[in-house]
Each structure stands twice: as C-alpha cells, then as structure tokens.
Protein backbone atom coordinates (compact mmCIF):
# COMPACT_ATOMS: atom_id res chain seq x y z
CA UNK A 1 1.00 6.14 11.55
CA UNK A 2 -1.74 5.27 13.47
CA UNK A 3 -4.40 7.05 11.40
CA UNK A 4 -2.44 5.81 8.60
CA UNK A 5 -2.50 1.98 9.47
CA UNK A 6 -6.29 2.40 10.26
CA UNK A 7 -7.02 3.44 6.99
CA UNK A 8 -4.74 0.89 5.33
CA UNK A 9 -6.81 -1.80 7.43
CA UNK A 10 -9.79 -0.30 6.26
CA UNK A 11 -8.83 -0.05 2.71
CA UNK A 12 -7.97 -3.72 2.89
CA UNK A 13 -11.46 -4.77 4.56
CA UNK A 14 -13.17 -3.25 1.50
CA UNK A 15 -11.39 -4.90 -0.64
CA UNK A 16 -11.77 -8.15 1.18
CA UNK A 17 -15.62 -7.35 0.64
CA UNK A 18 -15.00 -6.23 -3.30
CA UNK A 19 -12.35 -8.51 -4.84
CA UNK A 20 -14.83 -11.93 -4.87
CA UNK A 21 -17.48 -9.91 -6.29
CA UNK A 22 -15.16 -8.63 -9.11
CA UNK A 23 -13.85 -12.08 -9.62
CA UNK A 24 -17.64 -14.09 -9.97
CA UNK A 25 -18.10 -11.47 -11.99
CA UNK A 26 -15.41 -11.66 -14.71
CA UNK A 27 -15.65 -15.48 -14.47
CA UNK A 28 -19.60 -14.96 -15.38
CA UNK A 29 -19.06 -12.31 -18.18
CA UNK A 30 -16.46 -14.49 -19.80
CA UNK A 31 -18.24 -18.02 -19.62
CA UNK A 32 -21.56 -16.49 -20.12
CA UNK A 33 -21.44 -13.50 -22.34
CA UNK A 34 -21.26 -13.28 -26.01
CA UNK A 35 -19.88 -9.83 -26.22
CA UNK A 36 -16.31 -10.26 -27.03
CA UNK A 37 -15.83 -6.82 -26.01
CA UNK A 38 -14.81 -7.64 -22.25
CA UNK A 39 -12.22 -5.25 -21.20
CA UNK A 40 -9.81 -8.36 -19.85
CA UNK A 41 -6.88 -6.27 -19.67
CA UNK A 42 -8.49 -4.17 -17.41
CA UNK A 43 -9.97 -6.76 -14.90
CA UNK A 44 -5.91 -8.30 -15.46
CA UNK A 45 -4.90 -5.44 -14.03
CA UNK A 46 -7.12 -4.96 -10.81
CA UNK A 47 -6.16 -8.39 -9.99
CA UNK A 48 -2.71 -7.90 -10.55
CA UNK A 49 -2.26 -10.53 -13.21
CA UNK A 50 0.54 -10.44 -15.72
CA UNK A 51 2.05 -12.65 -18.56
CA UNK A 52 -1.56 -14.70 -18.54
CA UNK A 53 -1.92 -18.35 -19.33
CA UNK A 54 -5.00 -20.35 -17.78
CA UNK A 55 -7.19 -23.13 -17.24
CA UNK A 56 -10.50 -23.77 -15.91
CA UNK A 57 -11.67 -25.72 -13.01
CA UNK A 58 -15.24 -26.91 -13.12
CA UNK A 59 -15.97 -28.04 -9.45
CA UNK A 60 -18.99 -29.95 -8.11
CA UNK A 61 -19.22 -30.01 -4.40
CA UNK A 62 -21.65 -32.55 -2.18
CA UNK A 63 -24.16 -31.61 0.54
CA UNK A 64 -24.52 -27.42 -0.56
CA UNK A 65 -27.66 -26.04 0.13
CA UNK A 66 -29.10 -22.37 0.40
CA UNK A 67 -28.33 -22.09 4.32
CA UNK A 68 -24.32 -23.04 3.98
CA UNK A 69 -23.57 -21.77 0.15
CA UNK A 70 -22.22 -18.76 1.27
CA UNK A 71 -20.08 -20.33 3.87
CA UNK A 72 -19.16 -23.20 1.87
CA UNK A 73 -17.75 -20.46 -1.04
CA UNK A 74 -15.63 -18.34 1.78
CA UNK A 75 -13.76 -21.06 2.76
CA UNK A 76 -13.53 -22.66 -0.95
CA UNK A 77 -12.11 -19.55 -2.03
CA UNK A 78 -9.96 -18.70 1.19
CA UNK A 79 -8.39 -22.87 0.66
CA UNK A 80 -7.97 -22.22 -2.76
CA UNK A 81 -6.22 -19.00 -2.75
CA UNK A 82 -3.79 -20.09 0.22
CA UNK A 83 -2.13 -22.32 -2.06
CA UNK A 84 -2.28 -19.78 -5.31
CA UNK A 85 -3.89 -17.33 -6.87
CA UNK A 86 -7.18 -18.28 -8.01
CA UNK A 87 -10.24 -16.45 -9.26
CA UNK A 88 -13.57 -17.86 -8.13
CA UNK A 89 -17.25 -17.63 -9.35
CA UNK A 90 -20.01 -18.05 -6.89
CA UNK A 91 -22.09 -20.56 -6.98
CA UNK A 92 -23.97 -22.29 -9.74
CA UNK A 93 -26.47 -24.58 -7.74
CA UNK A 94 -23.93 -26.95 -6.10
CA UNK A 95 -20.97 -26.18 -8.61
CA UNK A 96 -18.55 -23.33 -9.09
CA UNK A 97 -15.76 -22.10 -11.94
CA UNK A 98 -12.34 -21.50 -10.69
CA UNK A 99 -10.17 -19.66 -13.42
CA UNK A 100 -6.23 -20.33 -12.32
CA UNK A 101 -3.84 -18.22 -13.73
CA UNK A 102 -0.34 -18.94 -14.65
CA UNK A 103 2.70 -17.17 -15.70
CA UNK A 104 3.97 -18.06 -19.42
CA UNK A 105 6.59 -19.67 -17.85
CA UNK A 106 5.89 -21.77 -15.39
CA UNK A 107 2.25 -22.93 -18.03
CA UNK A 108 3.56 -26.76 -19.12
CA UNK A 109 0.80 -28.83 -18.81
CA UNK A 110 3.03 -31.21 -16.51
CA UNK A 111 3.17 -28.32 -14.36
CA UNK A 112 -0.21 -27.41 -14.69
CA UNK A 113 -1.54 -30.98 -13.73
CA UNK A 114 0.21 -31.02 -10.65
CA UNK A 115 -0.25 -27.52 -9.07
CA UNK A 116 -4.05 -28.33 -9.92
CA UNK A 117 -3.92 -31.78 -8.02
CA UNK A 118 -2.46 -29.91 -5.02
CA UNK A 119 -5.90 -27.52 -5.31
CA UNK A 120 -7.88 -30.21 -5.28
CA UNK A 121 -6.69 -32.48 -2.58
CA UNK A 122 -6.68 -29.51 0.20
CA UNK A 123 -10.41 -28.80 -0.59
CA UNK A 124 -10.56 -32.58 -0.43
CA UNK A 125 -9.05 -32.40 3.18
CA UNK A 126 -9.99 -28.80 4.00
CA UNK A 127 -13.80 -28.56 2.76
CA UNK A 128 -14.89 -31.61 2.29
CA UNK A 129 -14.74 -35.43 0.05
CA UNK A 130 -16.65 -36.62 -2.28
CA UNK A 131 -15.77 -33.53 -4.78
CA UNK A 132 -15.94 -33.42 -8.56
CA UNK A 133 -13.73 -31.53 -10.65
CA UNK A 134 -12.94 -31.23 -14.69
CA UNK A 135 -10.15 -29.47 -15.97
CA UNK A 136 -9.46 -27.68 -18.89
CA UNK A 137 -6.26 -27.62 -20.72
CA UNK A 138 -3.75 -24.96 -20.59
CA UNK A 139 -4.85 -22.01 -22.82
CA UNK A 140 -3.54 -18.44 -23.51
CA UNK A 141 -5.81 -17.40 -26.51
CA UNK A 142 -8.59 -15.13 -24.33
CA UNK A 143 -11.45 -15.46 -26.84
CA UNK A 144 -10.95 -19.12 -25.77
CA UNK A 145 -12.21 -18.51 -22.37
CA UNK A 146 -15.89 -19.51 -22.95
CA UNK A 147 -14.79 -22.41 -24.33
CA UNK A 148 -11.80 -23.50 -21.82
CA UNK A 149 -14.65 -23.43 -19.25
CA UNK A 150 -16.72 -26.02 -21.57
CA UNK A 151 -14.06 -28.11 -21.46
CA UNK A 152 -13.66 -28.15 -18.01
CA UNK A 153 -17.34 -28.66 -17.73
CA UNK A 154 -17.48 -31.38 -20.16
CA UNK A 155 -14.74 -33.18 -18.47
CA UNK A 156 -16.35 -32.78 -14.90
CA UNK A 157 -19.49 -34.84 -15.99
CA UNK A 158 -17.68 -37.62 -17.49
CA UNK A 159 -15.84 -37.83 -13.43
CA UNK A 160 -17.01 -40.96 -11.16
CA UNK A 161 -20.35 -40.18 -9.02
CA UNK A 162 -18.46 -40.53 -5.68
CA UNK A 163 -15.68 -38.00 -6.74
CA UNK A 164 -12.70 -37.68 -8.57
CA UNK A 165 -10.96 -35.30 -11.09
CA UNK A 166 -10.60 -35.48 -14.69
CA UNK A 167 -8.40 -33.41 -16.95
CA UNK A 168 -9.71 -33.07 -20.48
CA UNK A 169 -6.67 -34.48 -22.18
CA UNK A 170 -7.25 -37.72 -20.21
CA UNK A 171 -9.68 -40.72 -20.09
CA UNK A 172 -10.14 -41.31 -16.83
CA UNK A 173 -10.45 -39.67 -13.64
CA UNK A 174 -7.98 -40.20 -10.49
CA UNK A 175 -9.13 -40.04 -6.88
CA UNK A 176 -6.07 -37.58 -6.10
CA UNK A 177 -6.23 -37.62 -2.18
CA UNK A 178 -5.43 -41.12 -1.93
CA UNK A 179 -1.91 -40.10 -3.14
CA UNK A 180 -1.12 -38.67 0.44
CA UNK A 181 1.30 -39.94 2.17
CA UNK A 182 1.97 -40.31 6.18
CA UNK A 183 3.89 -37.50 6.49
CA UNK A 184 1.76 -35.15 4.34
CA UNK A 185 -1.30 -36.06 6.42
CA UNK A 186 0.00 -35.27 9.80
CA UNK A 187 1.88 -31.94 8.33
CA UNK A 188 -2.17 -31.05 7.39
CA UNK A 189 -3.56 -32.09 10.70
CA UNK A 190 -0.90 -30.00 12.93
CA UNK A 191 -1.07 -27.08 10.90
CA UNK A 192 -5.29 -27.65 11.45
CA UNK A 193 -4.62 -27.82 14.81
CA UNK A 194 -2.33 -24.86 15.06
CA UNK A 195 -5.07 -22.70 13.75
CA UNK A 196 -7.77 -24.31 15.68
CA UNK A 197 -9.83 -25.66 12.45
CA UNK A 198 -11.32 -28.66 14.69
CA UNK A 199 -13.57 -29.71 11.56
CA UNK A 200 -11.04 -29.85 8.92
CA UNK A 201 -8.72 -31.81 11.96
CA UNK A 202 -11.75 -34.08 12.32
CA UNK A 203 -11.68 -34.24 8.23
CA UNK A 204 -8.03 -34.94 7.89
CA UNK A 205 -8.21 -37.70 10.43
CA UNK A 206 -11.30 -39.70 9.29
CA UNK A 207 -9.53 -39.65 5.34
CA UNK A 208 -6.14 -40.62 6.88
CA UNK A 209 -8.10 -43.57 8.67
CA UNK A 210 -10.21 -44.79 5.76
CA UNK A 211 -6.91 -44.42 3.66
CA UNK A 212 -4.97 -46.64 6.14
CA UNK A 213 -8.16 -49.20 6.09
CA UNK A 214 -7.35 -49.35 2.15
CA UNK A 215 -3.97 -50.42 2.57
CA UNK A 216 -5.38 -53.70 4.57
CA UNK A 217 -3.51 -52.30 7.84
CA UNK A 218 -4.85 -53.72 10.98
CA UNK A 219 -6.68 -51.66 13.58
CA UNK A 220 -4.29 -52.26 16.10
CA UNK A 221 -1.38 -51.27 13.77
CA UNK A 222 -2.83 -47.64 13.21
C-alpha cells in the first residue's frame, strides 16, 4: 500500500507539472493556429471534459513583471480552479486567456454570467484589485474558438482603465467586487486566515474597508 501511495503521489506531482503546459498549448493552438485539424477531442479527453460548451475570458492584470509573472500565473490558476474547472493560458504580456468549460445543461447565459462574476470577484480579492476582464458569449461550435477569444479581447478593450468586467453582449462594464456583502467578506477573510494566506487577508481587509468608505459609513462605526 505504501508503495502504491508513493507511486500515486509521484504521478500527481508529474501531472501538476504537465497539466498547465498542456492547457496553455491547447489554448494557444485554438486561438492562434489557423490549422483547423487540432484534435480537440483528444485534448478534452485529457482534461476529462465532456459535453463541451464554453466561454473565453480575457484577463488583464496590473503590476505584472517578468519577476513576478510565474508566481502570479500559479496563484491565478489555483484560485480559478478552486472555484471551478478552468483552462488557463500562460501570460501574454500582462494578459491571459481563460477557457471556462460548461456542460451543455448548465450553459444558459444567465447562469454562466453569474459564474464568471464569481471568478472575477475571487481574483479581485485573492490576487489583486484593478483587474480588467472581457467575456465572450457562450459557444458550442468548436471552429468558433478563435473568434470567441477575439470577442473576449474586444470586450476587455472596452472596460474601464481602473478595472472591471464587460460581457460581450453588454454595453458597459461593471465593478463586480463591490456587490460583496459583509457576511461574504467575513467568510472570505476567515477562510484565508485558516489557510495562513496573510497577503490575501490584507487584500480582503483593505477592500472591505474601501467598500465601507464608499457607503459613507463613519470610520468610528466600522
């Protein structure tokens, strides 16, 4: 048993190294490769994703440098996948593409929009504030992956410079994190304290304080 456990752990370590590379290669092939013969089915089998519908998110992160890029990539990928399964590209300058797969049964636009807002909020609190994001419409037609990505980029380019998220079928971006209520803030802060993530705790507290200030609450009442 001990030998089998050790072998399983070793396999998981190897997969942890390989999966990000395969995800990034897949997304780059889908959005930049003119060759229509990409074996999508084999990739989906590798990722264990079935009944595929999806949308693309194009994220832009402030303060990305060559020194912090890889650590930021790992943190972003982890945080996204803690919420739901996402395929994450490597950084392209300060931007990255994220493909969010959905089963056909959960791919109605309203449900998808709420899920994407949740992903954006999570990154805003655990990684950094001021993120810009553009989101494509839900698609099910594999040959449209490249145009779907371009749709997300076009939406991103219309978002406010100070941060926000814009859906391709919307006219104005919104600052999603401001919709968090006190209970949700406290839950997120407690979770990060338990995990020993002091940087995320500091970020949550600062954002919580800023939100209270926006409501006009007096400092002595906070």
